[in-house]
């Protein structure tokens, strides 16, 4: 696992599949997503290299139920006084009470369907407690007030986490990074049109920094990059 410091308090944890983020304050740590099954030891090692400890984790915010975001959550929840937070529509799936709906690949472009068909399945997420069910507009006590933004489409209960005081937005898989300072619509969505509308809403928040579930973060002008991507996705392709 690779650890990249984006800001003094913000660290990217990059796994073989997907990524998570650590928000570090003097008296507490918050994880945004957990990586796939088997990632907990790597996260613990990253904390040690940063001079921190697993016992300092106070909350784990899960942006949606997919295995590359929740796989290590059950193990992390056992590290101590960790509050696991997820949208109320995702919580039953994360707890293992119901199965999550698959993406609608019929509405995806051909390249995305080919990518979906080529990927091996990830190990399933063990049932994980969700201690706090959140909804749109709720605020969590980190980062100067972390606002939950419901962004349905990738999954019904996908969320973004906005830190207005720092100009930072965690998008989950609603948005992805292109690797060249840009953004794109995330892939493997339950409802592509609804995901695009949620992405549009994320752009209106005008974050300076956007942290994605996949792809390099945008560290400058992220709101503009997200909005520009929405306009490209929404524009019809010329014929001929």
Protein backbone atom coordinates (compact mmCIF):
# COMPACT_ATOMS: atom_id res chain seq x y z
CA UNK A 1 0.00 0.00 0.00
CA UNK A 2 1.22 3.49 -0.91
CA UNK A 3 0.77 6.46 1.45
CA UNK A 4 0.78 9.96 -0.06
CA UNK A 5 0.54 13.15 2.00
CA UNK A 6 -1.75 15.63 0.23
CA UNK A 7 -2.00 18.18 3.06
CA UNK A 8 -0.48 18.18 6.54
CA UNK A 9 -3.73 16.64 7.83
CA UNK A 10 -4.76 14.68 4.72
CA UNK A 11 -3.20 11.41 3.53
CA UNK A 12 -4.09 9.17 0.60
CA UNK A 13 -3.91 5.41 1.24
CA UNK A 14 -3.65 3.68 -2.13
CA UNK A 15 -4.35 -0.05 -2.34
CA UNK A 16 -3.98 -2.44 -5.23
CA UNK A 17 -7.69 -1.80 -5.85
CA UNK A 18 -9.05 1.60 -4.86
CA UNK A 19 -8.01 3.97 -2.14
CA UNK A 20 -8.98 5.44 1.21
CA UNK A 21 -8.12 8.66 3.00
CA UNK A 22 -6.92 9.60 6.47
CA UNK A 23 -7.82 12.94 8.06
CA UNK A 24 -5.44 13.52 10.97
CA UNK A 25 -6.13 15.90 13.80
CA UNK A 26 -4.05 16.33 16.93
CA UNK A 27 -6.40 14.33 19.15
CA UNK A 28 -8.18 11.98 16.71
CA UNK A 29 -8.03 10.30 13.31
CA UNK A 30 -10.81 9.76 10.77
CA UNK A 31 -10.72 7.25 7.91
CA UNK A 32 -12.77 7.76 4.77
CA UNK A 33 -13.33 4.19 3.49
CA UNK A 34 -11.29 1.14 4.47
CA UNK A 35 -10.00 -0.57 1.34
CA UNK A 36 -10.70 -4.20 0.43
CA UNK A 37 -10.52 -7.22 2.72
CA UNK A 38 -7.00 -7.63 4.10
CA UNK A 39 -6.13 -3.91 4.13
CA UNK A 40 -6.27 -3.32 7.89
CA UNK A 41 -2.67 -4.35 8.57
CA UNK A 42 -1.40 -2.08 5.82
CA UNK A 43 -3.42 0.82 7.21
CA UNK A 44 -2.04 0.15 10.70
CA UNK A 45 1.48 0.18 9.26
CA UNK A 46 0.83 3.49 7.50
CA UNK A 47 -0.41 4.99 10.76
CA UNK A 48 2.78 3.88 12.49
CA UNK A 49 4.95 5.48 9.80
CA UNK A 50 3.02 8.72 10.32
CA UNK A 51 3.71 8.53 14.05
CA UNK A 52 0.12 7.64 14.91
CA UNK A 53 -1.65 4.58 16.32
CA UNK A 54 -4.75 2.53 15.53
CA UNK A 55 -6.18 3.49 18.92
CA UNK A 56 -6.46 7.08 17.69
CA UNK A 57 -9.05 6.20 15.03
CA UNK A 58 -12.33 7.71 16.21
CA UNK A 59 -14.50 7.25 13.15
CA UNK A 60 -14.65 5.39 9.86
CA UNK A 61 -16.88 6.95 7.22
CA UNK A 62 -17.95 4.57 4.44
CA UNK A 63 -18.96 6.31 1.21
CA UNK A 64 -20.89 3.26 -0.07
CA UNK A 65 -21.13 -0.50 0.36
CA UNK A 66 -18.80 -1.82 -2.38
CA UNK A 67 -16.13 -4.26 -1.25
CA UNK A 68 -13.14 -2.11 -2.20
CA UNK A 69 -14.43 0.56 0.21
CA UNK A 70 -15.75 -1.56 3.08
CA UNK A 71 -13.71 -4.78 3.03
CA UNK A 72 -11.49 -3.96 6.02
CA UNK A 73 -14.17 -2.05 7.95
CA UNK A 74 -15.09 -4.85 10.36
CA UNK A 75 -11.48 -5.28 11.44
CA UNK A 76 -10.95 -1.52 11.83
CA UNK A 77 -14.16 -1.28 13.86
CA UNK A 78 -12.52 -3.60 16.39
CA UNK A 79 -9.53 -1.35 16.96
CA UNK A 80 -11.20 0.52 19.81
CA UNK A 81 -13.67 3.38 20.14
CA UNK A 82 -14.34 3.57 16.39
CA UNK A 83 -17.69 4.92 15.20
CA UNK A 84 -18.57 3.47 11.78
CA UNK A 85 -20.72 5.87 9.77
CA UNK A 86 -22.65 5.20 6.54
CA UNK A 87 -25.77 6.42 4.81
CA UNK A 88 -28.95 4.85 6.11
CA UNK A 89 -29.61 3.22 2.71
CA UNK A 90 -26.17 1.54 2.74
CA UNK A 91 -26.16 0.47 6.38
CA UNK A 92 -28.26 -2.71 5.96
CA UNK A 93 -25.94 -3.92 3.19
CA UNK A 94 -22.80 -3.17 5.19
CA UNK A 95 -24.24 -4.98 8.21
CA UNK A 96 -24.89 -8.03 6.01
CA UNK A 97 -28.66 -7.87 6.47
CA UNK A 98 -29.47 -7.53 2.74
CA UNK A 99 -27.58 -7.87 -0.53
CA UNK A 100 -26.55 -4.75 -2.39
CA UNK A 101 -27.94 -4.11 -5.86
CA UNK A 102 -25.50 -4.60 -8.76
CA UNK A 103 -24.66 -1.88 -11.26
CA UNK A 104 -26.77 -1.45 -14.38
CA UNK A 105 -24.24 -2.22 -17.07
CA UNK A 106 -26.83 -2.01 -19.87
CA UNK A 107 -26.66 1.78 -19.73
CA UNK A 108 -22.84 1.90 -19.55
CA UNK A 109 -20.67 2.63 -22.62
CA UNK A 110 -19.03 -0.38 -24.32
CA UNK A 111 -15.56 0.27 -22.83
CA UNK A 112 -17.04 0.25 -19.33
CA UNK A 113 -18.91 -3.02 -19.96
CA UNK A 114 -15.67 -4.59 -21.21
CA UNK A 115 -13.85 -3.39 -18.09
CA UNK A 116 -16.59 -4.80 -15.84
CA UNK A 117 -16.36 -8.19 -17.57
CA UNK A 118 -12.57 -8.32 -17.19
CA UNK A 119 -12.34 -7.65 -13.44
CA UNK A 120 -12.09 -10.56 -10.99
CA UNK A 121 -14.49 -10.35 -8.03
CA UNK A 122 -13.20 -9.03 -4.73
CA UNK A 123 -13.64 -10.96 -1.47
CA UNK A 124 -16.99 -10.11 0.13
CA UNK A 125 -17.11 -7.64 3.01
CA UNK A 126 -17.64 -9.35 6.38
CA UNK A 127 -20.74 -8.08 8.20
CA UNK A 128 -19.75 -4.79 9.78
CA UNK A 129 -21.51 -2.71 12.44
CA UNK A 130 -22.75 0.72 11.42
CA UNK A 131 -22.98 2.78 14.57
CA UNK A 132 -24.23 6.00 13.02
CA UNK A 133 -26.54 6.19 10.02
CA UNK A 134 -26.18 9.54 8.28
CA UNK A 135 -28.18 11.50 5.73
CA UNK A 136 -27.84 14.54 3.52
CA UNK A 137 -26.80 17.62 5.48
CA UNK A 138 -25.67 15.80 8.61
CA UNK A 139 -22.41 17.01 10.11
CA UNK A 140 -19.63 14.91 11.62
CA UNK A 141 -17.17 16.38 14.15
CA UNK A 142 -13.91 16.49 12.21
CA UNK A 143 -12.26 18.79 9.71
CA UNK A 144 -13.99 21.85 11.12
CA UNK A 145 -17.38 20.26 10.48
CA UNK A 146 -17.68 17.50 7.87
CA UNK A 147 -20.94 17.78 5.93
CA UNK A 148 -22.53 14.66 4.46
CA UNK A 149 -23.73 15.10 0.87
CA UNK A 150 -26.05 12.39 -0.42
CA UNK A 151 -24.96 11.59 -3.97
CA UNK A 152 -27.14 8.71 -5.21
CA UNK A 153 -26.55 6.93 -8.49
CA UNK A 154 -23.38 4.92 -8.06
CA UNK A 155 -25.36 3.23 -5.30
CA UNK A 156 -28.59 4.45 -3.71
CA UNK A 157 -26.85 5.58 -0.56
CA UNK A 158 -23.55 6.86 -1.92
CA UNK A 159 -22.28 9.92 -0.10
CA UNK A 160 -19.70 12.61 -0.45
CA UNK A 161 -18.01 14.16 2.58
CA UNK A 162 -17.39 17.90 2.34
CA UNK A 163 -14.99 19.84 4.56
CA UNK A 164 -15.90 23.46 3.68
CA UNK A 165 -13.36 24.88 6.13
CA UNK A 166 -10.56 23.22 4.15
CA UNK A 167 -12.01 23.17 0.63
CA UNK A 168 -11.85 19.37 0.54
CA UNK A 169 -14.44 16.97 -0.90
CA UNK A 170 -14.34 13.17 -0.67
CA UNK A 171 -16.47 11.88 -3.57
CA UNK A 172 -16.46 8.11 -3.14
CA UNK A 173 -17.00 6.55 -6.57
CA UNK A 174 -19.43 9.16 -7.90
CA UNK A 175 -16.40 10.86 -9.47
CA UNK A 176 -13.05 9.41 -10.51
CA UNK A 177 -9.69 10.99 -11.29
CA UNK A 178 -8.28 10.93 -14.81
CA UNK A 179 -4.63 11.15 -13.75
CA UNK A 180 -3.96 14.45 -15.53
CA UNK A 181 -5.56 16.83 -13.04
CA UNK A 182 -9.05 16.17 -14.32
CA UNK A 183 -12.17 14.30 -13.29
CA UNK A 184 -14.62 11.90 -14.90
CA UNK A 185 -17.88 10.19 -14.08
CA UNK A 186 -17.28 7.15 -11.89
CA UNK A 187 -17.91 3.72 -13.38
CA UNK A 188 -20.17 0.74 -12.54
CA UNK A 189 -23.21 2.79 -11.54
CA UNK A 190 -26.66 1.58 -10.55
CA UNK A 191 -28.15 4.65 -12.28
CA UNK A 192 -25.83 6.49 -14.66
CA UNK A 193 -28.06 9.56 -15.14
CA UNK A 194 -28.57 9.98 -11.42
CA UNK A 195 -24.82 9.63 -10.80
CA UNK A 196 -24.20 12.39 -13.33
CA UNK A 197 -26.67 14.65 -11.51
CA UNK A 198 -24.96 13.90 -8.17
CA UNK A 199 -21.63 14.71 -9.77
CA UNK A 200 -23.08 18.03 -10.94
CA UNK A 201 -24.07 18.77 -7.35
CA UNK A 202 -20.56 17.96 -6.14
CA UNK A 203 -19.17 20.47 -8.63
CA UNK A 204 -21.49 23.18 -7.30
CA UNK A 205 -19.84 22.80 -3.88
CA UNK A 206 -16.74 24.33 -5.52
CA UNK A 207 -14.11 22.35 -3.60
CA UNK A 208 -10.48 23.21 -4.18
CA UNK A 209 -9.42 19.59 -3.55
CA UNK A 210 -11.36 16.48 -4.58
CA UNK A 211 -10.42 13.04 -3.27
CA UNK A 212 -11.77 10.16 -5.35
CA UNK A 213 -12.24 6.47 -4.69
CA UNK A 214 -10.20 5.74 -7.81
CA UNK A 215 -7.69 7.90 -9.61
CA UNK A 216 -5.41 10.75 -8.59
CA UNK A 217 -6.99 13.50 -6.49
CA UNK A 218 -7.43 16.97 -7.97
CA UNK A 219 -5.50 19.36 -5.74
CA UNK A 220 -6.44 22.67 -7.34
CA UNK A 221 -9.69 23.93 -8.86
CA UNK A 222 -11.49 20.62 -8.27
CA UNK A 223 -14.98 22.10 -8.50
CA UNK A 224 -14.25 23.48 -11.95
CA UNK A 225 -12.73 20.15 -13.05
CA UNK A 226 -15.80 18.22 -11.89
CA UNK A 227 -18.22 20.65 -13.53
CA UNK A 228 -16.28 20.57 -16.80
CA UNK A 229 -16.45 16.78 -16.79
CA UNK A 230 -20.21 16.86 -16.21
CA UNK A 231 -20.65 19.14 -19.21
CA UNK A 232 -18.57 16.81 -21.39
CA UNK A 233 -20.57 13.77 -20.27
CA UNK A 234 -23.88 15.56 -20.81
CA UNK A 235 -23.02 16.90 -24.29
CA UNK A 236 -24.26 14.77 -27.19
CA UNK A 237 -21.60 13.18 -29.37
CA UNK A 238 -21.70 14.66 -32.91
CA UNK A 239 -22.74 12.17 -35.56
CA UNK A 240 -20.79 11.40 -38.67
